[in-house]
Each structure stands twice: as structure tokens, then as C-alpha cells.
Amino acid sequence: MEKDWIKVFGSQSSFEAEIVKGMLLENDIEAVLVNRQDSSFGSMLPGMDEVYVHTSNESKARELIAASREGNVENNL
């Protein structure tokens, strides 16, 4: 991964991480999903899916994630 990207979300649920990534993209924040599960073990061991954003978008991304957990998220906050 390039420099200046920071993890803003992590989950053992790929589905949850995809939802967060999608929400960020809908709000014009470029986001990437990194799957940290060890493929040699399949799903026997828990892995972590992580969502990264550029450091310049970190504050807005964290605000959106917090708002979504409270049920207060709207597009383009």
C-alpha cells in the first residue's frame, strides 16, 4: 500500500467492512479494503478485514463511521 494511508476500520466480518467501505465511497472518500485473513488456513482462524483511507480524509472518515454506528449517517455529511 502507498504511503499516507491509515486504517480507520477493522472487522472480522468481511460484509461489515464492505459496508463501511461503500459508505465512505458514497461520501467521496477513497477507501480500500485489505483482507488480512491467512488464506492457508481458510476460515478456520479469524482474520481481519481493514478499511484504509488517505490521511487527508481520516477525520471525515472517522466521523462518518461514528455517525453510522449511531444511525445518523447521510450521504455527503
PDB file of N, CA and C in Angstrom:
ATOM      1  N   MET A   1       0.841  -1.173   0.000  1.00  0.00           N
ATOM      2  CA  MET A   1       0.000   0.000   0.000  1.00  0.00           C
ATOM      3  C   MET A   1       0.891   1.242   0.000  1.00  0.00           C
ATOM      4  N   GLU A   2       0.405   2.271  -0.665  1.00  0.00           N
ATOM      5  CA  GLU A   2       1.153   3.513  -0.763  1.00  0.00           C
ATOM      6  C   GLU A   2       1.254   4.194   0.584  1.00  0.00           C
ATOM      7  N   LYS A   3       2.175   5.171   0.660  1.00  0.00           N
ATOM      8  CA  LYS A   3       2.345   5.948   1.879  1.00  0.00           C
ATOM      9  C   LYS A   3       1.101   6.793   2.132  1.00  0.00           C
ATOM     10  N   ASP A   4       0.986   7.254   3.344  1.00  0.00           N
ATOM     11  CA  ASP A   4      -0.053   8.193   3.744  1.00  0.00           C
ATOM     12  C   ASP A   4      -1.460   7.611   3.744  1.00  0.00           C
ATOM     13  N   TRP A   5      -1.597   6.312   3.956  1.00  0.00           N
ATOM     14  CA  TRP A   5      -2.904   5.685   4.122  1.00  0.00           C
ATOM     15  C   TRP A   5      -2.979   5.187   5.551  1.00  0.00           C
ATOM     16  N   ILE A   6      -4.153   5.272   6.130  1.00  0.00           N
ATOM     17  CA  ILE A   6      -4.309   4.895   7.533  1.00  0.00           C
ATOM     18  C   ILE A   6      -5.555   4.032   7.706  1.00  0.00           C
ATOM     19  N   LYS A   7      -5.447   3.067   8.604  1.00  0.00           N
ATOM     20  CA  LYS A   7      -6.589   2.194   8.881  1.00  0.00           C
ATOM     21  C   LYS A   7      -7.601   2.966   9.726  1.00  0.00           C
ATOM     22  N   VAL A   8      -8.863   2.966   9.264  1.00  0.00           N
ATOM     23  CA  VAL A   8      -9.926   3.638  10.009  1.00  0.00           C
ATOM     24  C   VAL A   8     -10.980   2.668  10.514  1.00  0.00           C
ATOM     25  N   PHE A   9     -10.907   1.413  10.063  1.00  0.00           N
ATOM     26  CA  PHE A   9     -11.912   0.439  10.478  1.00  0.00           C
ATOM     27  C   PHE A   9     -11.355  -0.961  10.311  1.00  0.00           C
ATOM     28  N   GLY A  10     -11.712  -1.844  11.229  1.00  0.00           N
ATOM     29  CA  GLY A  10     -11.339  -3.243  11.128  1.00  0.00           C
ATOM     30  C   GLY A  10     -12.457  -4.124  11.654  1.00  0.00           C
ATOM     31  N   SER A  11     -12.640  -5.270  11.030  1.00  0.00           N
ATOM     32  CA  SER A  11     -13.701  -6.178  11.442  1.00  0.00           C
ATOM     33  C   SER A  11     -13.356  -7.600  11.021  1.00  0.00           C
ATOM     34  N   GLN A  12     -13.862  -8.551  11.774  1.00  0.00           N
ATOM     35  CA  GLN A  12     -13.716  -9.946  11.367  1.00  0.00           C
ATOM     36  C   GLN A  12     -14.801 -10.330  10.387  1.00  0.00           C
ATOM     37  N   SER A  13     -15.714  -9.408  10.122  1.00  0.00           N
ATOM     38  CA  SER A  13     -16.798  -9.633   9.179  1.00  0.00           C
ATOM     39  C   SER A  13     -16.497  -8.908   7.867  1.00  0.00           C
ATOM     40  N   SER A  14     -16.264  -9.682   6.819  1.00  0.00           N
ATOM     41  CA  SER A  14     -16.000  -9.079   5.505  1.00  0.00           C
ATOM     42  C   SER A  14     -17.170  -8.229   5.053  1.00  0.00           C
ATOM     43  N   PHE A  15     -18.384  -8.684   5.340  1.00  0.00           N
ATOM     44  CA  PHE A  15     -19.592  -7.977   4.947  1.00  0.00           C
ATOM     45  C   PHE A  15     -19.641  -6.595   5.596  1.00  0.00           C
ATOM     46  N   GLU A  16     -19.349  -6.528   6.888  1.00  0.00           N
ATOM     47  CA  GLU A  16     -19.368  -5.254   7.612  1.00  0.00           C
ATOM     48  C   GLU A  16     -18.315  -4.292   7.051  1.00  0.00           C
ATOM     49  N   ALA A  17     -17.123  -4.805   6.774  1.00  0.00           N
ATOM     50  CA  ALA A  17     -16.066  -3.973   6.216  1.00  0.00           C
ATOM     51  C   ALA A  17     -16.446  -3.449   4.830  1.00  0.00           C
ATOM     52  N   GLU A  18     -17.113  -4.270   4.035  1.00  0.00           N
ATOM     53  CA  GLU A  18     -17.571  -3.835   2.706  1.00  0.00           C
ATOM     54  C   GLU A  18     -18.610  -2.720   2.824  1.00  0.00           C
ATOM     55  N   ILE A  19     -19.485  -2.820   3.807  1.00  0.00           N
ATOM     56  CA  ILE A  19     -20.493  -1.783   4.021  1.00  0.00           C
ATOM     57  C   ILE A  19     -19.820  -0.457   4.376  1.00  0.00           C
ATOM     58  N   VAL A  20     -18.847  -0.500   5.266  1.00  0.00           N
ATOM     59  CA  VAL A  20     -18.135   0.723   5.658  1.00  0.00           C
ATOM     60  C   VAL A  20     -17.406   1.316   4.454  1.00  0.00           C
ATOM     61  N   LYS A  21     -16.729   0.480   3.696  1.00  0.00           N
ATOM     62  CA  LYS A  21     -16.037   0.957   2.502  1.00  0.00           C
ATOM     63  C   LYS A  21     -17.020   1.625   1.539  1.00  0.00           C
ATOM     64  N   GLY A  22     -18.160   0.988   1.301  1.00  0.00           N
ATOM     65  CA  GLY A  22     -19.161   1.537   0.406  1.00  0.00           C
ATOM     66  C   GLY A  22     -19.697   2.876   0.892  1.00  0.00           C
ATOM     67  N   MET A  23     -19.931   2.986   2.191  1.00  0.00           N
ATOM     68  CA  MET A  23     -20.420   4.240   2.757  1.00  0.00           C
ATOM     69  C   MET A  23     -19.411   5.359   2.538  1.00  0.00           C
ATOM     70  N   LEU A  24     -18.137   5.052   2.739  1.00  0.00           N
ATOM     71  CA  LEU A  24     -17.098   6.062   2.532  1.00  0.00           C
ATOM     72  C   LEU A  24     -17.028   6.478   1.070  1.00  0.00           C
ATOM     73  N   LEU A  25     -17.087   5.501   0.166  1.00  0.00           N
ATOM     74  CA  LEU A  25     -17.048   5.817  -1.262  1.00  0.00           C
ATOM     75  C   LEU A  25     -18.246   6.682  -1.667  1.00  0.00           C
ATOM     76  N   GLU A  26     -19.419   6.393  -1.114  1.00  0.00           N
ATOM     77  CA  GLU A  26     -20.618   7.184  -1.409  1.00  0.00           C
ATOM     78  C   GLU A  26     -20.483   8.630  -0.936  1.00  0.00           C
ATOM     79  N   ASN A  27     -19.605   8.846   0.030  1.00  0.00           N
ATOM     80  CA  ASN A  27     -19.380  10.183   0.567  1.00  0.00           C
ATOM     81  C   ASN A  27     -18.072  10.785   0.047  1.00  0.00           C
ATOM     82  N   ASP A  28     -17.662  10.323  -1.131  1.00  0.00           N
ATOM     83  CA  ASP A  28     -16.488  10.864  -1.839  1.00  0.00           C
ATOM     84  C   ASP A  28     -15.174  10.730  -1.075  1.00  0.00           C
ATOM     85  N   ILE A  29     -15.053   9.648  -0.325  1.00  0.00           N
ATOM     86  CA  ILE A  29     -13.796   9.340   0.357  1.00  0.00           C
ATOM     87  C   ILE A  29     -13.251   8.058  -0.249  1.00  0.00           C
ATOM     88  N   GLU A  30     -12.102   8.166  -0.908  1.00  0.00           N
ATOM     89  CA  GLU A  30     -11.491   6.975  -1.494  1.00  0.00           C
ATOM     90  C   GLU A  30     -11.090   6.024  -0.368  1.00  0.00           C
ATOM     91  N   ALA A  31     -11.513   4.788  -0.476  1.00  0.00           N
ATOM     92  CA  ALA A  31     -11.248   3.789   0.556  1.00  0.00           C
ATOM     93  C   ALA A  31     -10.860   2.479  -0.101  1.00  0.00           C
ATOM     94  N   VAL A  32      -9.977   1.744   0.567  1.00  0.00           N
ATOM     95  CA  VAL A  32      -9.582   0.426   0.085  1.00  0.00           C
ATOM     96  C   VAL A  32      -9.770  -0.581   1.209  1.00  0.00           C
ATOM     97  N   LEU A  33     -10.072  -1.792   0.812  1.00  0.00           N
ATOM     98  CA  LEU A  33     -10.290  -2.881   1.756  1.00  0.00           C
ATOM     99  C   LEU A  33      -9.122  -3.852   1.655  1.00  0.00           C
ATOM    100  N   VAL A  34      -8.542  -4.174   2.805  1.00  0.00           N
ATOM    101  CA  VAL A  34      -7.434  -5.124   2.854  1.00  0.00           C
ATOM    102  C   VAL A  34      -7.872  -6.310   3.698  1.00  0.00           C
ATOM    103  N   ASN A  35      -7.807  -7.508   3.110  1.00  0.00           N
ATOM    104  CA  ASN A  35      -8.174  -8.729   3.804  1.00  0.00           C
ATOM    105  C   ASN A  35      -6.912  -9.307   4.432  1.00  0.00           C
ATOM    106  N   ARG A  36      -6.897  -9.380   5.743  1.00  0.00           N
ATOM    107  CA  ARG A  36      -5.727  -9.883   6.477  1.00  0.00           C
ATOM    108  C   ARG A  36      -5.864 -11.342   6.895  1.00  0.00           C
ATOM    109  N   GLN A  37      -6.867 -12.049   6.379  1.00  0.00           N
ATOM    110  CA  GLN A  37      -7.030 -13.455   6.728  1.00  0.00           C
ATOM    111  C   GLN A  37      -5.964 -14.274   6.036  1.00  0.00           C
ATOM    112  N   ASP A  38      -5.386 -15.192   6.743  1.00  0.00           N
ATOM    113  CA  ASP A  38      -4.371 -16.076   6.186  1.00  0.00           C
ATOM    114  C   ASP A  38      -5.065 -17.114   5.319  1.00  0.00           C
ATOM    115  N   SER A  39      -4.868 -17.025   4.021  1.00  0.00           N
ATOM    116  CA  SER A  39      -5.571 -17.921   3.098  1.00  0.00           C
ATOM    117  C   SER A  39      -5.159 -19.378   3.262  1.00  0.00           C
ATOM    118  N   SER A  40      -4.008 -19.639   3.845  1.00  0.00           N
ATOM    119  CA  SER A  40      -3.578 -21.030   4.002  1.00  0.00           C
ATOM    120  C   SER A  40      -4.400 -21.760   5.064  1.00  0.00           C
ATOM    121  N   PHE A  41      -5.106 -21.009   5.902  1.00  0.00           N
ATOM    122  CA  PHE A  41      -5.928 -21.627   6.929  1.00  0.00           C
ATOM    123  C   PHE A  41      -7.413 -21.537   6.618  1.00  0.00           C
ATOM    124  N   GLY A  42      -7.762 -20.942   5.490  1.00  0.00           N
ATOM    125  CA  GLY A  42      -9.171 -20.793   5.143  1.00  0.00           C
ATOM    126  C   GLY A  42      -9.882 -19.964   6.193  1.00  0.00           C
ATOM    127  N   SER A  43     -11.033 -20.428   6.614  1.00  0.00           N
ATOM    128  CA  SER A  43     -11.769 -19.673   7.622  1.00  0.00           C
ATOM    129  C   SER A  43     -11.667 -20.304   9.004  1.00  0.00           C
ATOM    130  N   MET A  44     -10.700 -21.197   9.184  1.00  0.00           N
ATOM    131  CA  MET A  44     -10.537 -21.846  10.481  1.00  0.00           C
ATOM    132  C   MET A  44     -10.063 -20.851  11.535  1.00  0.00           C
ATOM    133  N   LEU A  45      -9.217 -19.909  11.151  1.00  0.00           N
ATOM    134  CA  LEU A  45      -8.721 -18.901  12.074  1.00  0.00           C
ATOM    135  C   LEU A  45      -9.320 -17.558  11.701  1.00  0.00           C
ATOM    136  N   PRO A  46      -9.669 -16.768  12.709  1.00  0.00           N
ATOM    137  CA  PRO A  46     -10.254 -15.466  12.382  1.00  0.00           C
ATOM    138  C   PRO A  46      -9.228 -14.553  11.721  1.00  0.00           C
ATOM    139  N   GLY A  47      -9.692 -13.823  10.744  1.00  0.00           N
ATOM    140  CA  GLY A  47      -8.865 -12.833  10.086  1.00  0.00           C
ATOM    141  C   GLY A  47      -9.486 -11.478  10.292  1.00  0.00           C
ATOM    142  N   MET A  48      -8.853 -10.492   9.746  1.00  0.00           N
ATOM    143  CA  MET A  48      -9.353  -9.146   9.908  1.00  0.00           C
ATOM    144  C   MET A  48      -9.411  -8.474   8.554  1.00  0.00           C
ATOM    145  N   ASP A  49     -10.550  -7.886   8.250  1.00  0.00           N
ATOM    146  CA  ASP A  49     -10.672  -7.036   7.076  1.00  0.00           C
ATOM    147  C   ASP A  49     -10.508  -5.602   7.564  1.00  0.00           C
ATOM    148  N   GLU A  50      -9.655  -4.847   6.890  1.00  0.00           N
ATOM    149  CA  GLU A  50      -9.347  -3.491   7.309  1.00  0.00           C
ATOM    150  C   GLU A  50      -9.669  -2.506   6.196  1.00  0.00           C
ATOM    151  N   VAL A  51     -10.225  -1.363   6.576  1.00  0.00           N
ATOM    152  CA  VAL A  51     -10.543  -0.302   5.628  1.00  0.00           C
ATOM    153  C   VAL A  51      -9.537   0.823   5.851  1.00  0.00           C
ATOM    154  N   TYR A  52      -8.913   1.240   4.748  1.00  0.00           N
ATOM    155  CA  TYR A  52      -7.912   2.303   4.782  1.00  0.00           C
ATOM    156  C   TYR A  52      -8.373   3.491   3.960  1.00  0.00           C
ATOM    157  N   VAL A  53      -8.013   4.696   4.425  1.00  0.00           N
ATOM    158  CA  VAL A  53      -8.254   5.928   3.682  1.00  0.00           C
ATOM    159  C   VAL A  53      -6.965   6.738   3.686  1.00  0.00           C
ATOM    160  N   HIS A  54      -6.884   7.696   2.772  1.00  0.00           N
ATOM    161  CA  HIS A  54      -5.734   8.595   2.754  1.00  0.00           C
ATOM    162  C   HIS A  54      -5.781   9.444   4.021  1.00  0.00           C
ATOM    163  N   THR A  55      -4.622   9.780   4.565  1.00  0.00           N
ATOM    164  CA  THR A  55      -4.580  10.532   5.816  1.00  0.00           C
ATOM    165  C   THR A  55      -5.335  11.859   5.734  1.00  0.00           C
ATOM    166  N   SER A  56      -5.416  12.442   4.554  1.00  0.00           N
ATOM    167  CA  SER A  56      -6.139  13.713   4.420  1.00  0.00           C
ATOM    168  C   SER A  56      -7.643  13.540   4.618  1.00  0.00           C
ATOM    169  N   ASN A  57      -8.147  12.317   4.543  1.00  0.00           N
ATOM    170  CA  ASN A  57      -9.574  12.040   4.725  1.00  0.00           C
ATOM    171  C   ASN A  57      -9.883  11.335   6.045  1.00  0.00           C
ATOM    172  N   GLU A  58      -8.874  11.154   6.874  1.00  0.00           N
ATOM    173  CA  GLU A  58      -9.055  10.369   8.095  1.00  0.00           C
ATOM    174  C   GLU A  58     -10.142  10.939   9.001  1.00  0.00           C
ATOM    175  N   SER A  59     -10.107  12.220   9.259  1.00  0.00           N
ATOM    176  CA  SER A  59     -11.053  12.829  10.181  1.00  0.00           C
ATOM    177  C   SER A  59     -12.489  12.656   9.706  1.00  0.00           C
ATOM    178  N   LYS A  60     -12.753  12.978   8.447  1.00  0.00           N
ATOM    179  CA  LYS A  60     -14.107  12.852   7.906  1.00  0.00           C
ATOM    180  C   LYS A  60     -14.556  11.389   7.906  1.00  0.00           C
ATOM    181  N   ALA A  61     -13.639  10.477   7.569  1.00  0.00           N
ATOM    182  CA  ALA A  61     -13.984   9.052   7.551  1.00  0.00           C
ATOM    183  C   ALA A  61     -14.364   8.568   8.942  1.00  0.00           C
ATOM    184  N   ARG A  62     -13.599   8.941   9.934  1.00  0.00           N
ATOM    185  CA  ARG A  62     -13.904   8.521  11.307  1.00  0.00           C
ATOM    186  C   ARG A  62     -15.241   9.110  11.783  1.00  0.00           C
ATOM    187  N   GLU A  63     -15.519  10.356  11.396  1.00  0.00           N
ATOM    188  CA  GLU A  63     -16.801  10.969  11.748  1.00  0.00           C
ATOM    189  C   GLU A  63     -17.959  10.204  11.118  1.00  0.00           C
ATOM    190  N   LEU A  64     -17.819   9.841   9.851  1.00  0.00           N
ATOM    191  CA  LEU A  64     -18.870   9.094   9.165  1.00  0.00           C
ATOM    192  C   LEU A  64     -19.085   7.716   9.793  1.00  0.00           C
ATOM    193  N   ILE A  65     -17.999   7.049  10.125  1.00  0.00           N
ATOM    194  CA  ILE A  65     -18.102   5.721  10.737  1.00  0.00           C
ATOM    195  C   ILE A  65     -18.787   5.833  12.094  1.00  0.00           C
ATOM    196  N   ALA A  66     -18.418   6.827  12.879  1.00  0.00           N
ATOM    197  CA  ALA A  66     -19.053   7.020  14.189  1.00  0.00           C
ATOM    198  C   ALA A  66     -20.535   7.343  14.023  1.00  0.00           C
ATOM    199  N   ALA A  67     -20.859   8.204  13.074  1.00  0.00           N
ATOM    200  CA  ALA A  67     -22.256   8.575  12.837  1.00  0.00           C
ATOM    201  C   ALA A  67     -23.062   7.366  12.381  1.00  0.00           C
ATOM    202  N   SER A  68     -22.462   6.507  11.560  1.00  0.00           N
ATOM    203  CA  SER A  68     -23.190   5.333  11.071  1.00  0.00           C
ATOM    204  C   SER A  68     -23.488   4.363  12.206  1.00  0.00           C
ATOM    205  N   ARG A  69     -22.610   4.283  13.168  1.00  0.00           N
ATOM    206  CA  ARG A  69     -22.850   3.402  14.324  1.00  0.00           C
ATOM    207  C   ARG A  69     -23.977   3.931  15.194  1.00  0.00           C
ATOM    208  N   GLU A  70     -24.171   5.254  15.156  1.00  0.00           N
ATOM    209  CA  GLU A  70     -25.256   5.873  15.919  1.00  0.00           C
ATOM    210  C   GLU A  70     -26.540   5.943  15.098  1.00  0.00           C
ATOM    211  N   GLY A  71     -26.461   5.560  13.824  1.00  0.00           N
ATOM    212  CA  GLY A  71     -27.629   5.599  12.960  1.00  0.00           C
ATOM    213  C   GLY A  71     -27.909   6.972  12.385  1.00  0.00           C
ATOM    214  N   ASN A  72     -26.898   7.838  12.365  1.00  0.00           N
ATOM    215  CA  ASN A  72     -27.093   9.217  11.920  1.00  0.00           C
ATOM    216  C   ASN A  72     -26.356   9.544  10.630  1.00  0.00           C
ATOM    217  N   VAL A  73     -26.031   8.572   9.823  1.00  0.00           N
ATOM    218  CA  VAL A  73     -25.237   8.847   8.633  1.00  0.00           C
ATOM    219  C   VAL A  73     -26.136   9.256   7.476  1.00  0.00           C
ATOM    220  N   GLU A  74     -25.686  10.261   6.754  1.00  0.00           N
ATOM    221  CA  GLU A  74     -26.332  10.697   5.499  1.00  0.00           C
ATOM    222  C   GLU A  74     -25.238  10.873   4.482  1.00  0.00           C
ATOM    223  N   ASN A  75     -25.571  10.732   3.220  1.00  0.00           N
ATOM    224  CA  ASN A  75     -24.573  10.955   2.173  1.00  0.00           C
ATOM    225  C   ASN A  75     -24.090  12.385   2.212  1.00  0.00           C
ATOM    226  N   ASN A  76     -22.804  12.552   1.956  1.00  0.00           N
ATOM    227  CA  ASN A  76     -22.155  13.860   1.858  1.00  0.00           C
ATOM    228  C   ASN A  76     -22.330  14.713   3.100  1.00  0.00           C
ATOM    229  N   LEU A  77     -22.037  14.142   4.256  1.00  0.00           N
ATOM    230  CA  LEU A  77     -22.084  14.913   5.502  1.00  0.00           C
ATOM    231  C   LEU A  77     -21.098  16.051   5.474  1.00  0.00           C
TER     232      LEU A  77
END
